Amino acid sequence: METQQYREIQKVVNSHAADIQALTAMVYGLLAQVHGSQGEEGIAAAEARTMTASKSMGSAFGVRPNASLISQLFKSARQPS
């Protein structure tokens, strides 16, 4: 692969990685706020809704949301920071 093509691919991947990190930070912030205002019940309700929504999602490539990652995210939201 040419160096220029590699740089372009790396630029796109890094852009997506930065977007994913930004979304992850926002989700953690929102979950911390839910936990602070609604406690464990709020987190459990948010997790249930997220899992329901994730089951109805898909893509043209047949990719589904990573249920294990979603569970890990909610587990970490329940841990004191």
Protein backbone atom coordinates (compact mmCIF):
# COMPACT_ATOMS: atom_id res chain seq x y z
CA MET A 1 0.00 0.00 0.00
CA GLU A 2 1.27 3.43 -0.82
CA THR A 3 2.29 5.71 2.00
CA GLN A 4 -0.28 8.35 1.00
CA GLN A 5 -3.10 5.78 1.05
CA TYR A 6 -1.94 4.57 4.46
CA ARG A 7 -1.98 8.14 5.79
CA GLU A 8 -5.48 8.72 4.46
CA ILE A 9 -6.77 5.50 6.04
CA GLN A 10 -5.04 6.38 9.32
CA LYS A 11 -6.61 9.86 9.23
CA VAL A 12 -10.11 8.40 8.79
CA VAL A 13 -9.60 5.75 11.50
CA ASN A 14 -8.24 8.33 13.94
CA SER A 15 -11.17 10.61 13.23
CA HIS A 16 -13.63 7.82 14.01
CA ALA A 17 -11.67 6.85 17.13
CA ALA A 18 -11.82 10.46 18.36
CA ASP A 19 -15.58 10.51 17.75
CA ILE A 20 -16.04 7.23 19.63
CA GLN A 21 -13.98 8.56 22.55
CA ALA A 22 -16.06 11.76 22.63
CA LEU A 23 -19.32 9.77 22.63
CA THR A 24 -17.99 7.47 25.35
CA ALA A 25 -17.05 10.46 27.53
CA MET A 26 -20.53 11.92 27.05
CA VAL A 27 -22.20 8.64 27.97
CA TYR A 28 -20.07 8.31 31.12
CA GLY A 29 -20.95 11.87 32.09
CA LEU A 30 -24.65 11.28 31.55
CA LEU A 31 -24.55 8.01 33.48
CA ALA A 32 -22.77 9.73 36.37
CA GLN A 33 -25.52 12.35 36.40
CA VAL A 34 -28.25 9.66 36.33
CA HIS A 35 -26.53 7.79 39.14
CA GLY A 36 -26.24 10.98 41.18
CA SER A 37 -29.87 11.97 40.75
CA GLN A 38 -31.65 8.60 40.46
CA GLY A 39 -29.23 6.11 41.98
CA GLU A 40 -29.07 2.44 41.08
CA GLU A 41 -32.70 2.42 39.92
CA GLY A 42 -31.97 5.07 37.30
CA ILE A 43 -28.91 3.21 36.04
CA ALA A 44 -30.86 -0.07 35.86
CA ALA A 45 -33.66 1.62 33.90
CA ALA A 46 -31.18 3.25 31.51
CA GLU A 47 -29.43 -0.08 30.97
CA ALA A 48 -32.72 -1.86 30.23
CA ARG A 49 -33.71 0.79 27.69
CA THR A 50 -30.28 0.69 26.08
CA MET A 51 -30.36 -3.09 25.71
CA THR A 52 -33.85 -2.93 24.20
CA ALA A 53 -32.78 -0.25 21.74
CA SER A 54 -29.58 -2.09 20.83
CA LYS A 55 -31.55 -5.20 19.85
CA SER A 56 -33.45 -3.23 17.21
CA MET A 57 -30.36 -1.63 15.72
CA GLY A 58 -28.44 -2.92 12.77
CA SER A 59 -26.56 -1.71 9.77
CA ALA A 60 -26.13 -2.37 6.11
CA PHE A 61 -23.12 -4.49 7.08
CA GLY A 62 -24.96 -6.68 9.57
CA VAL A 63 -23.11 -5.16 12.51
CA ARG A 64 -24.93 -5.20 15.84
CA PRO A 65 -24.14 -3.19 18.98
CA ASN A 66 -21.68 -4.95 21.30
CA ALA A 67 -23.89 -6.09 24.21
CA SER A 68 -20.85 -7.05 26.30
CA LEU A 69 -19.40 -3.56 25.96
CA ILE A 70 -22.75 -2.02 26.89
CA SER A 71 -22.90 -4.18 30.02
CA GLN A 72 -19.33 -3.21 30.96
CA LEU A 73 -20.18 0.46 30.55
CA PHE A 74 -23.16 0.22 32.89
CA LYS A 75 -21.17 -1.86 35.36
CA SER A 76 -18.49 0.81 35.51
CA ALA A 77 -21.18 3.48 35.95
CA ARG A 78 -22.26 1.73 39.13
CA GLN A 79 -18.73 1.82 40.55
CA PRO A 80 -17.67 4.87 42.54
CA SER A 81 -15.18 6.99 40.66
